[in-house]
Amino acid sequence: MNLKVLTLAMLALSATVIPVAAAPFCTGGTGVNLSFGFMIGPQYSEEDRADLARTQLRRHGVDATRVEFWNGCLRAFVRQPDGSEKMEFYDPDTFQQVY
């Protein structure tokens, strides 16, 4: 294979990979979770937890239209002043934006 073609292919491939440092990462909770085979209180679905997180973000002044759990973070779709939406990441414990 031609060295020039191989070099261009390697450059193109490296440009498509997101560096690990660029991906937001949250701890996803600082508390301890113990399970003994019984449950006290209601079991909430991931959708219910996401709705609660969206409500908490809105209380912190973030106009989130939808929230998902992603890589230990809250991935929120936030309404912008011009009406568009922007994807932003927040810590699930502090509700502070993660960059």
PDB file of N, CA and C in Angstrom:
ATOM      1  N   MET A   1       0.854  -1.171   0.000  1.00  0.00           N
ATOM      2  CA  MET A   1       0.000   0.000   0.000  1.00  0.00           C
ATOM      3  C   MET A   1       0.901   1.235   0.000  1.00  0.00           C
ATOM      4  N   ASN A   2       0.458   2.234  -0.665  1.00  0.00           N
ATOM      5  CA  ASN A   2       1.192   3.491  -0.763  1.00  0.00           C
ATOM      6  C   ASN A   2       1.269   4.146   0.620  1.00  0.00           C
ATOM      7  N   LEU A   3       2.452   4.587   1.017  1.00  0.00           N
ATOM      8  CA  LEU A   3       2.661   5.204   2.331  1.00  0.00           C
ATOM      9  C   LEU A   3       1.845   6.482   2.496  1.00  0.00           C
ATOM     10  N   LYS A   4       1.694   7.232   1.425  1.00  0.00           N
ATOM     11  CA  LYS A   4       0.922   8.484   1.480  1.00  0.00           C
ATOM     12  C   LYS A   4      -0.559   8.192   1.768  1.00  0.00           C
ATOM     13  N   VAL A   5      -1.109   7.175   1.123  1.00  0.00           N
ATOM     14  CA  VAL A   5      -2.507   6.800   1.332  1.00  0.00           C
ATOM     15  C   VAL A   5      -2.702   6.293   2.760  1.00  0.00           C
ATOM     16  N   LEU A   6      -1.752   5.482   3.224  1.00  0.00           N
ATOM     17  CA  LEU A   6      -1.835   4.958   4.586  1.00  0.00           C
ATOM     18  C   LEU A   6      -1.780   6.086   5.613  1.00  0.00           C
ATOM     19  N   THR A   7      -0.914   7.053   5.407  1.00  0.00           N
ATOM     20  CA  THR A   7      -0.790   8.194   6.317  1.00  0.00           C
ATOM     21  C   THR A   7      -2.076   9.000   6.349  1.00  0.00           C
ATOM     22  N   LEU A   8      -2.660   9.260   5.179  1.00  0.00           N
ATOM     23  CA  LEU A   8      -3.926  10.010   5.112  1.00  0.00           C
ATOM     24  C   LEU A   8      -5.056   9.245   5.803  1.00  0.00           C
ATOM     25  N   ALA A   9      -5.078   7.927   5.623  1.00  0.00           N
ATOM     26  CA  ALA A   9      -6.100   7.110   6.265  1.00  0.00           C
ATOM     27  C   ALA A   9      -5.962   7.161   7.784  1.00  0.00           C
ATOM     28  N   MET A  10      -4.737   7.105   8.282  1.00  0.00           N
ATOM     29  CA  MET A  10      -4.506   7.174   9.730  1.00  0.00           C
ATOM     30  C   MET A  10      -4.909   8.534  10.294  1.00  0.00           C
ATOM     31  N   LEU A  11      -4.624   9.600   9.569  1.00  0.00           N
ATOM     32  CA  LEU A  11      -5.021  10.942  10.009  1.00  0.00           C
ATOM     33  C   LEU A  11      -6.536  11.075  10.047  1.00  0.00           C
ATOM     34  N   ALA A  12      -7.201  10.558   9.024  1.00  0.00           N
ATOM     35  CA  ALA A  12      -8.661  10.633   8.979  1.00  0.00           C
ATOM     36  C   ALA A  12      -9.279   9.836  10.127  1.00  0.00           C
ATOM     37  N   LEU A  13      -8.718   8.675  10.415  1.00  0.00           N
ATOM     38  CA  LEU A  13      -9.228   7.857  11.514  1.00  0.00           C
ATOM     39  C   LEU A  13      -9.022   8.533  12.857  1.00  0.00           C
ATOM     40  N   SER A  14      -7.863   9.128  13.063  1.00  0.00           N
ATOM     41  CA  SER A  14      -7.591   9.779  14.340  1.00  0.00           C
ATOM     42  C   SER A  14      -8.461  11.013  14.534  1.00  0.00           C
ATOM     43  N   ALA A  15      -8.895  11.640  13.462  1.00  0.00           N
ATOM     44  CA  ALA A  15      -9.749  12.824  13.568  1.00  0.00           C
ATOM     45  C   ALA A  15     -11.166  12.456  13.992  1.00  0.00           C
ATOM     46  N   THR A  16     -11.582  11.202  13.785  1.00  0.00           N
ATOM     47  CA  THR A  16     -12.940  10.795  14.130  1.00  0.00           C
ATOM     48  C   THR A  16     -13.057  10.280  15.557  1.00  0.00           C
ATOM     49  N   VAL A  17     -11.952  10.033  16.225  1.00  0.00           N
ATOM     50  CA  VAL A  17     -11.960   9.502  17.588  1.00  0.00           C
ATOM     51  C   VAL A  17     -11.992  10.660  18.579  1.00  0.00           C
ATOM     52  N   ILE A  18     -12.926  10.593  19.527  1.00  0.00           N
ATOM     53  CA  ILE A  18     -13.035  11.627  20.555  1.00  0.00           C
ATOM     54  C   ILE A  18     -12.059  11.294  21.668  1.00  0.00           C
ATOM     55  N   PRO A  19     -11.194  12.228  22.030  1.00  0.00           N
ATOM     56  CA  PRO A  19     -10.278  11.961  23.136  1.00  0.00           C
ATOM     57  C   PRO A  19     -11.042  11.713  24.432  1.00  0.00           C
ATOM     58  N   VAL A  20     -10.519  10.838  25.275  1.00  0.00           N
ATOM     59  CA  VAL A  20     -11.177  10.505  26.538  1.00  0.00           C
ATOM     60  C   VAL A  20     -11.378  11.746  27.388  1.00  0.00           C
ATOM     61  N   ALA A  21     -10.429  12.651  27.392  1.00  0.00           N
ATOM     62  CA  ALA A  21     -10.542  13.861  28.207  1.00  0.00           C
ATOM     63  C   ALA A  21     -11.685  14.753  27.741  1.00  0.00           C
ATOM     64  N   ALA A  22     -12.110  14.620  26.477  1.00  0.00           N
ATOM     65  CA  ALA A  22     -13.172  15.469  25.949  1.00  0.00           C
ATOM     66  C   ALA A  22     -14.561  14.970  26.343  1.00  0.00           C
ATOM     67  N   ALA A  23     -14.692  13.708  26.715  1.00  0.00           N
ATOM     68  CA  ALA A  23     -15.980  13.150  27.088  1.00  0.00           C
ATOM     69  C   ALA A  23     -16.268  13.457  28.551  1.00  0.00           C
ATOM     70  N   PRO A  24     -17.443  14.017  28.853  1.00  0.00           N
ATOM     71  CA  PRO A  24     -17.758  14.306  30.252  1.00  0.00           C
ATOM     72  C   PRO A  24     -17.925  13.019  31.044  1.00  0.00           C
ATOM     73  N   PHE A  25     -17.513  13.052  32.292  1.00  0.00           N
ATOM     74  CA  PHE A  25     -17.633  11.892  33.161  1.00  0.00           C
ATOM     75  C   PHE A  25     -18.028  12.365  34.545  1.00  0.00           C
ATOM     76  N   CYS A  26     -19.028  11.738  35.096  1.00  0.00           N
ATOM     77  CA  CYS A  26     -19.473  12.056  36.446  1.00  0.00           C
ATOM     78  C   CYS A  26     -19.407  10.779  37.270  1.00  0.00           C
ATOM     79  N   THR A  27     -19.337  10.939  38.563  1.00  0.00           N
ATOM     80  CA  THR A  27     -19.264   9.772  39.434  1.00  0.00           C
ATOM     81  C   THR A  27     -20.604   9.071  39.529  1.00  0.00           C
ATOM     82  N   GLY A  28     -21.699   9.789  39.248  1.00  0.00           N
ATOM     83  CA  GLY A  28     -23.016   9.166  39.283  1.00  0.00           C
ATOM     84  C   GLY A  28     -23.548   8.941  40.682  1.00  0.00           C
ATOM     85  N   GLY A  29     -23.023   9.641  41.635  1.00  0.00           N
ATOM     86  CA  GLY A  29     -23.498   9.525  43.004  1.00  0.00           C
ATOM     87  C   GLY A  29     -22.342   9.291  43.953  1.00  0.00           C
ATOM     88  N   THR A  30     -22.398   9.927  45.095  1.00  0.00           N
ATOM     89  CA  THR A  30     -21.319   9.778  46.062  1.00  0.00           C
ATOM     90  C   THR A  30     -21.733   8.915  47.236  1.00  0.00           C
ATOM     91  N   GLY A  31     -23.005   8.530  47.305  1.00  0.00           N
ATOM     92  CA  GLY A  31     -23.473   7.724  48.420  1.00  0.00           C
ATOM     93  C   GLY A  31     -23.123   6.259  48.245  1.00  0.00           C
ATOM     94  N   VAL A  32     -23.385   5.496  49.290  1.00  0.00           N
ATOM     95  CA  VAL A  32     -23.146   4.061  49.275  1.00  0.00           C
ATOM     96  C   VAL A  32     -24.475   3.380  49.005  1.00  0.00           C
ATOM     97  N   ASN A  33     -24.455   2.400  48.122  1.00  0.00           N
ATOM     98  CA  ASN A  33     -25.667   1.677  47.771  1.00  0.00           C
ATOM     99  C   ASN A  33     -25.519   0.232  48.221  1.00  0.00           C
ATOM    100  N   LEU A  34     -26.339  -0.184  49.188  1.00  0.00           N
ATOM    101  CA  LEU A  34     -26.311  -1.548  49.688  1.00  0.00           C
ATOM    102  C   LEU A  34     -27.603  -2.250  49.296  1.00  0.00           C
ATOM    103  N   SER A  35     -27.506  -3.515  48.951  1.00  0.00           N
ATOM    104  CA  SER A  35     -28.681  -4.284  48.568  1.00  0.00           C
ATOM    105  C   SER A  35     -28.689  -5.593  49.349  1.00  0.00           C
ATOM    106  N   PHE A  36     -29.804  -5.876  50.046  1.00  0.00           N
ATOM    107  CA  PHE A  36     -29.917  -7.086  50.851  1.00  0.00           C
ATOM    108  C   PHE A  36     -31.071  -7.980  50.398  1.00  0.00           C
ATOM    109  N   GLY A  37     -31.630  -7.701  49.235  1.00  0.00           N
ATOM    110  CA  GLY A  37     -32.693  -8.553  48.728  1.00  0.00           C
ATOM    111  C   GLY A  37     -34.089  -8.126  49.119  1.00  0.00           C
ATOM    112  N   PHE A  38     -34.229  -7.023  49.798  1.00  0.00           N
ATOM    113  CA  PHE A  38     -35.552  -6.483  50.065  1.00  0.00           C
ATOM    114  C   PHE A  38     -35.517  -4.988  49.822  1.00  0.00           C
ATOM    115  N   MET A  39     -36.691  -4.407  49.634  1.00  0.00           N
ATOM    116  CA  MET A  39     -36.758  -3.001  49.240  1.00  0.00           C
ATOM    117  C   MET A  39     -37.727  -2.264  50.157  1.00  0.00           C
ATOM    118  N   ILE A  40     -37.341  -1.084  50.532  1.00  0.00           N
ATOM    119  CA  ILE A  40     -38.203  -0.208  51.314  1.00  0.00           C
ATOM    120  C   ILE A  40     -38.547   0.977  50.429  1.00  0.00           C
ATOM    121  N   GLY A  41     -39.808   1.245  50.263  1.00  0.00           N
ATOM    122  CA  GLY A  41     -40.230   2.358  49.420  1.00  0.00           C
ATOM    123  C   GLY A  41     -40.444   1.921  47.983  1.00  0.00           C
ATOM    124  N   PRO A  42     -40.936   2.854  47.172  1.00  0.00           N
ATOM    125  CA  PRO A  42     -41.266   2.517  45.782  1.00  0.00           C
ATOM    126  C   PRO A  42     -40.025   2.355  44.910  1.00  0.00           C
ATOM    127  N   GLN A  43     -40.152   1.558  43.866  1.00  0.00           N
ATOM    128  CA  GLN A  43     -39.096   1.386  42.873  1.00  0.00           C
ATOM    129  C   GLN A  43     -39.385   2.345  41.720  1.00  0.00           C
ATOM    130  N   TYR A  44     -38.446   3.227  41.436  1.00  0.00           N
ATOM    131  CA  TYR A  44     -38.641   4.209  40.377  1.00  0.00           C
ATOM    132  C   TYR A  44     -37.958   3.756  39.095  1.00  0.00           C
ATOM    133  N   SER A  45     -38.630   3.961  37.986  1.00  0.00           N
ATOM    134  CA  SER A  45     -38.047   3.622  36.690  1.00  0.00           C
ATOM    135  C   SER A  45     -37.006   4.676  36.312  1.00  0.00           C
ATOM    136  N   GLU A  46     -36.194   4.368  35.327  1.00  0.00           N
ATOM    137  CA  GLU A  46     -35.195   5.340  34.860  1.00  0.00           C
ATOM    138  C   GLU A  46     -35.885   6.588  34.312  1.00  0.00           C
ATOM    139  N   GLU A  47     -37.038   6.401  33.696  1.00  0.00           N
ATOM    140  CA  GLU A  47     -37.803   7.544  33.173  1.00  0.00           C
ATOM    141  C   GLU A  47     -38.282   8.444  34.317  1.00  0.00           C
ATOM    142  N   ASP A  48     -38.747   7.831  35.413  1.00  0.00           N
ATOM    143  CA  ASP A  48     -39.173   8.613  36.579  1.00  0.00           C
ATOM    144  C   ASP A  48     -37.998   9.390  37.176  1.00  0.00           C
ATOM    145  N   ARG A  49     -36.847   8.713  37.280  1.00  0.00           N
ATOM    146  CA  ARG A  49     -35.658   9.380  37.822  1.00  0.00           C
ATOM    147  C   ARG A  49     -35.211  10.528  36.917  1.00  0.00           C
ATOM    148  N   ALA A  50     -35.319  10.344  35.599  1.00  0.00           N
ATOM    149  CA  ALA A  50     -34.945  11.394  34.651  1.00  0.00           C
ATOM    150  C   ALA A  50     -35.895  12.588  34.776  1.00  0.00           C
ATOM    151  N   ASP A  51     -37.185  12.320  34.962  1.00  0.00           N
ATOM    152  CA  ASP A  51     -38.154  13.412  35.149  1.00  0.00           C
ATOM    153  C   ASP A  51     -37.862  14.190  36.424  1.00  0.00           C
ATOM    154  N   LEU A  52     -37.498  13.483  37.491  1.00  0.00           N
ATOM    155  CA  LEU A  52     -37.145  14.145  38.744  1.00  0.00           C
ATOM    156  C   LEU A  52     -35.886  15.000  38.562  1.00  0.00           C
ATOM    157  N   ALA A  53     -34.897  14.472  37.850  1.00  0.00           N
ATOM    158  CA  ALA A  53     -33.667  15.225  37.583  1.00  0.00           C
ATOM    159  C   ALA A  53     -33.961  16.467  36.745  1.00  0.00           C
ATOM    160  N   ARG A  54     -34.869  16.350  35.769  1.00  0.00           N
ATOM    161  CA  ARG A  54     -35.250  17.509  34.944  1.00  0.00           C
ATOM    162  C   ARG A  54     -35.897  18.583  35.821  1.00  0.00           C
ATOM    163  N   THR A  55     -36.745  18.158  36.751  1.00  0.00           N
ATOM    164  CA  THR A  55     -37.375  19.103  37.670  1.00  0.00           C
ATOM    165  C   THR A  55     -36.325  19.794  38.534  1.00  0.00           C
ATOM    166  N   GLN A  56     -35.359  19.027  39.032  1.00  0.00           N
ATOM    167  CA  GLN A  56     -34.296  19.614  39.863  1.00  0.00           C
ATOM    168  C   GLN A  56     -33.455  20.604  39.056  1.00  0.00           C
ATOM    169  N   LEU A  57     -33.120  20.255  37.814  1.00  0.00           N
ATOM    170  CA  LEU A  57     -32.359  21.180  36.967  1.00  0.00           C
ATOM    171  C   LEU A  57     -33.141  22.469  36.731  1.00  0.00           C
ATOM    172  N   ARG A  58     -34.439  22.338  36.491  1.00  0.00           N
ATOM    173  CA  ARG A  58     -35.268  23.533  36.269  1.00  0.00           C
ATOM    174  C   ARG A  58     -35.288  24.409  37.528  1.00  0.00           C
ATOM    175  N   ARG A  59     -35.278  23.791  38.696  1.00  0.00           N
ATOM    176  CA  ARG A  59     -35.212  24.555  39.955  1.00  0.00           C
ATOM    177  C   ARG A  59     -33.882  25.291  40.086  1.00  0.00           C
ATOM    178  N   HIS A  60     -32.839  24.754  39.438  1.00  0.00           N
ATOM    179  CA  HIS A  60     -31.523  25.399  39.441  1.00  0.00           C
ATOM    180  C   HIS A  60     -31.366  26.374  38.272  1.00  0.00           C
ATOM    181  N   GLY A  61     -32.466  26.673  37.587  1.00  0.00           N
ATOM    182  CA  GLY A  61     -32.433  27.672  36.518  1.00  0.00           C
ATOM    183  C   GLY A  61     -32.063  27.155  35.143  1.00  0.00           C
ATOM    184  N   VAL A  62     -32.041  25.835  34.960  1.00  0.00           N
ATOM    185  CA  VAL A  62     -31.705  25.241  33.662  1.00  0.00           C
ATOM    186  C   VAL A  62     -33.014  24.867  32.968  1.00  0.00           C
ATOM    187  N   ASP A  63     -33.264  25.435  31.784  1.00  0.00           N
ATOM    188  CA  ASP A  63     -34.511  25.178  31.053  1.00  0.00           C
ATOM    189  C   ASP A  63     -34.397  23.874  30.264  1.00  0.00           C
ATOM    190  N   ALA A  64     -34.306  22.755  30.989  1.00  0.00           N
ATOM    191  CA  ALA A  64     -34.152  21.439  30.366  1.00  0.00           C
ATOM    192  C   ALA A  64     -35.502  20.947  29.860  1.00  0.00           C
ATOM    193  N   THR A  65     -35.523  20.479  28.613  1.00  0.00           N
ATOM    194  CA  THR A  65     -36.742  19.918  28.042  1.00  0.00           C
ATOM    195  C   THR A  65     -36.778  18.405  28.204  1.00  0.00           C
ATOM    196  N   ARG A  66     -35.591  17.790  28.297  1.00  0.00           N
ATOM    197  CA  ARG A  66     -35.494  16.339  28.463  1.00  0.00           C
ATOM    198  C   ARG A  66     -34.156  16.012  29.102  1.00  0.00           C
ATOM    199  N   VAL A  67     -34.132  14.961  29.934  1.00  0.00           N
ATOM    200  CA  VAL A  67     -32.917  14.555  30.642  1.00  0.00           C
ATOM    201  C   VAL A  67     -32.756  13.047  30.519  1.00  0.00           C
ATOM    202  N   GLU A  68     -31.502  12.624  30.321  1.00  0.00           N
ATOM    203  CA  GLU A  68     -31.155  11.203  30.267  1.00  0.00           C
ATOM    204  C   GLU A  68     -29.926  10.982  31.135  1.00  0.00           C
ATOM    205  N   PHE A  69     -29.725   9.754  31.578  1.00  0.00           N
ATOM    206  CA  PHE A  69     -28.520   9.400  32.323  1.00  0.00           C
ATOM    207  C   PHE A  69     -27.489   8.911  31.318  1.00  0.00           C
ATOM    208  N   TRP A  70     -26.287   9.494  31.366  1.00  0.00           N
ATOM    209  CA  TRP A  70     -25.260   9.171  30.383  1.00  0.00           C
ATOM    210  C   TRP A  70     -23.885   9.263  31.029  1.00  0.00           C
ATOM    211  N   ASN A  71     -23.145   8.166  31.063  1.00  0.00           N
ATOM    212  CA  ASN A  71     -21.768   8.136  31.561  1.00  0.00           C
ATOM    213  C   ASN A  71     -21.669   8.673  32.995  1.00  0.00           C
ATOM    214  N   GLY A  72     -22.681   8.400  33.804  1.00  0.00           N
ATOM    215  CA  GLY A  72     -22.692   8.872  35.177  1.00  0.00           C
ATOM    216  C   GLY A  72     -23.174  10.302  35.323  1.00  0.00           C
ATOM    217  N   CYS A  73     -23.439  10.975  34.202  1.00  0.00           N
ATOM    218  CA  CYS A  73     -23.892  12.377  34.211  1.00  0.00           C
ATOM    219  C   CYS A  73     -25.362  12.450  33.840  1.00  0.00           C
ATOM    220  N   LEU A  74     -25.906  13.636  34.007  1.00  0.00           N
ATOM    221  CA  LEU A  74     -27.214  13.943  33.462  1.00  0.00           C
ATOM    222  C   LEU A  74     -26.974  14.616  32.114  1.00  0.00           C
ATOM    223  N   ARG A  75     -27.497  14.034  31.051  1.00  0.00           N
ATOM    224  CA  ARG A  75     -27.414  14.661  29.735  1.00  0.00           C
ATOM    225  C   ARG A  75     -28.735  15.380  29.522  1.00  0.00           C
ATOM    226  N   ALA A  76     -28.663  16.700  29.498  1.00  0.00           N
ATOM    227  CA  ALA A  76     -29.873  17.516  29.404  1.00  0.00           C
ATOM    228  C   ALA A  76     -29.917  18.232  28.064  1.00  0.00           C
ATOM    229  N   PHE A  77     -31.093  18.287  27.512  1.00  0.00           N
ATOM    230  CA  PHE A  77     -31.329  19.061  26.309  1.00  0.00           C
ATOM    231  C   PHE A  77     -31.979  20.361  26.765  1.00  0.00           C
ATOM    232  N   VAL A  78     -31.214  21.452  26.621  1.00  0.00           N
ATOM    233  CA  VAL A  78     -31.573  22.729  27.233  1.00  0.00           C
ATOM    234  C   VAL A  78     -32.033  23.707  26.167  1.00  0.00           C
ATOM    235  N   ARG A  79     -33.201  24.304  26.400  1.00  0.00           N
ATOM    236  CA  ARG A  79     -33.753  25.294  25.482  1.00  0.00           C
ATOM    237  C   ARG A  79     -32.935  26.578  25.563  1.00  0.00           C
ATOM    238  N   GLN A  80     -32.539  27.079  24.400  1.00  0.00           N
ATOM    239  CA  GLN A  80     -31.753  28.305  24.288  1.00  0.00           C
ATOM    240  C   GLN A  80     -32.684  29.496  24.048  1.00  0.00           C
ATOM    241  N   PRO A  81     -32.205  30.717  24.285  1.00  0.00           N
ATOM    242  CA  PRO A  81     -33.048  31.900  24.095  1.00  0.00           C
ATOM    243  C   PRO A  81     -33.627  32.026  22.684  1.00  0.00           C
ATOM    244  N   ASP A  82     -32.920  31.504  21.668  1.00  0.00           N
ATOM    245  CA  ASP A  82     -33.427  31.604  20.293  1.00  0.00           C
ATOM    246  C   ASP A  82     -34.408  30.489  19.955  1.00  0.00           C
ATOM    247  N   GLY A  83     -34.736  29.626  20.925  1.00  0.00           N
ATOM    248  CA  GLY A  83     -35.688  28.547  20.702  1.00  0.00           C
ATOM    249  C   GLY A  83     -35.052  27.219  20.344  1.00  0.00           C
ATOM    250  N   SER A  84     -33.770  27.199  20.031  1.00  0.00           N
ATOM    251  CA  SER A  84     -33.089  25.953  19.708  1.00  0.00           C
ATOM    252  C   SER A  84     -32.767  25.201  20.998  1.00  0.00           C
ATOM    253  N   GLU A  85     -32.282  23.984  20.858  1.00  0.00           N
ATOM    254  CA  GLU A  85     -31.882  23.189  22.013  1.00  0.00           C
ATOM    255  C   GLU A  85     -30.401  22.879  21.922  1.00  0.00           C
ATOM    256  N   LYS A  86     -29.757  22.807  23.079  1.00  0.00           N
ATOM    257  CA  LYS A  86     -28.335  22.489  23.166  1.00  0.00           C
ATOM    258  C   LYS A  86     -28.170  21.361  24.179  1.00  0.00           C
ATOM    259  N   MET A  87     -27.323  20.379  23.847  1.00  0.00           N
ATOM    260  CA  MET A  87     -27.064  19.286  24.763  1.00  0.00           C
ATOM    261  C   MET A  87     -25.999  19.724  25.758  1.00  0.00           C
ATOM    262  N   GLU A  88     -26.281  19.571  27.056  1.00  0.00           N
ATOM    263  CA  GLU A  88     -25.350  19.944  28.119  1.00  0.00           C
ATOM    264  C   GLU A  88     -25.301  18.801  29.133  1.00  0.00           C
ATOM    265  N   PHE A  89     -24.195  18.724  29.870  1.00  0.00           N
ATOM    266  CA  PHE A  89     -24.012  17.661  30.860  1.00  0.00           C
ATOM    267  C   PHE A  89     -23.924  18.266  32.259  1.00  0.00           C
ATOM    268  N   TYR A  90     -24.564  17.591  33.232  1.00  0.00           N
ATOM    269  CA  TYR A  90     -24.619  18.067  34.609  1.00  0.00           C
ATOM    270  C   TYR A  90     -24.296  16.929  35.567  1.00  0.00           C
ATOM    271  N   ASP A  91     -23.687  17.290  36.700  1.00  0.00           N
ATOM    272  CA  ASP A  91     -23.411  16.336  37.758  1.00  0.00           C
ATOM    273  C   ASP A  91     -24.742  15.993  38.434  1.00  0.00           C
ATOM    274  N   PRO A  92     -25.048  14.708  38.633  1.00  0.00           N
ATOM    275  CA  PRO A  92     -26.336  14.335  39.211  1.00  0.00           C
ATOM    276  C   PRO A  92     -26.483  14.655  40.689  1.00  0.00           C
ATOM    277  N   ASP A  93     -25.372  14.921  41.384  1.00  0.00           N
ATOM    278  CA  ASP A  93     -25.441  15.249  42.812  1.00  0.00           C
ATOM    279  C   ASP A  93     -25.558  16.739  43.055  1.00  0.00           C
ATOM    280  N   THR A  94     -24.772  17.517  42.318  1.00  0.00           N
ATOM    281  CA  THR A  94     -24.703  18.961  42.556  1.00  0.00           C
ATOM    282  C   THR A  94     -25.514  19.769  41.564  1.00  0.00           C
ATOM    283  N   PHE A  95     -25.886  19.167  40.450  1.00  0.00           N
ATOM    284  CA  PHE A  95     -26.597  19.820  39.344  1.00  0.00           C
ATOM    285  C   PHE A  95     -25.779  20.969  38.755  1.00  0.00           C
ATOM    286  N   GLN A  96     -24.461  20.873  38.895  1.00  0.00           N
ATOM    287  CA  GLN A  96     -23.549  21.839  38.278  1.00  0.00           C
ATOM    288  C   GLN A  96     -23.166  21.322  36.901  1.00  0.00           C
ATOM    289  N   GLN A  97     -23.003  22.230  35.946  1.00  0.00           N
ATOM    290  CA  GLN A  97     -22.656  21.825  34.593  1.00  0.00           C
ATOM    291  C   GLN A  97     -21.254  21.235  34.543  1.00  0.00           C
ATOM    292  N   VAL A  98     -21.100  20.160  33.791  1.00  0.00           N
ATOM    293  CA  VAL A  98     -19.820  19.487  33.589  1.00  0.00           C
ATOM    294  C   VAL A  98     -19.348  19.841  32.198  1.00  0.00           C
ATOM    295  N   TYR A  99     -18.104  20.282  32.101  1.00  0.00           N
ATOM    296  CA  TYR A  99     -17.570  20.711  30.792  1.00  0.00           C
ATOM    297  C   TYR A  99     -16.655  19.695  30.213  1.00  0.00           C
TER     298      TYR A  99
END
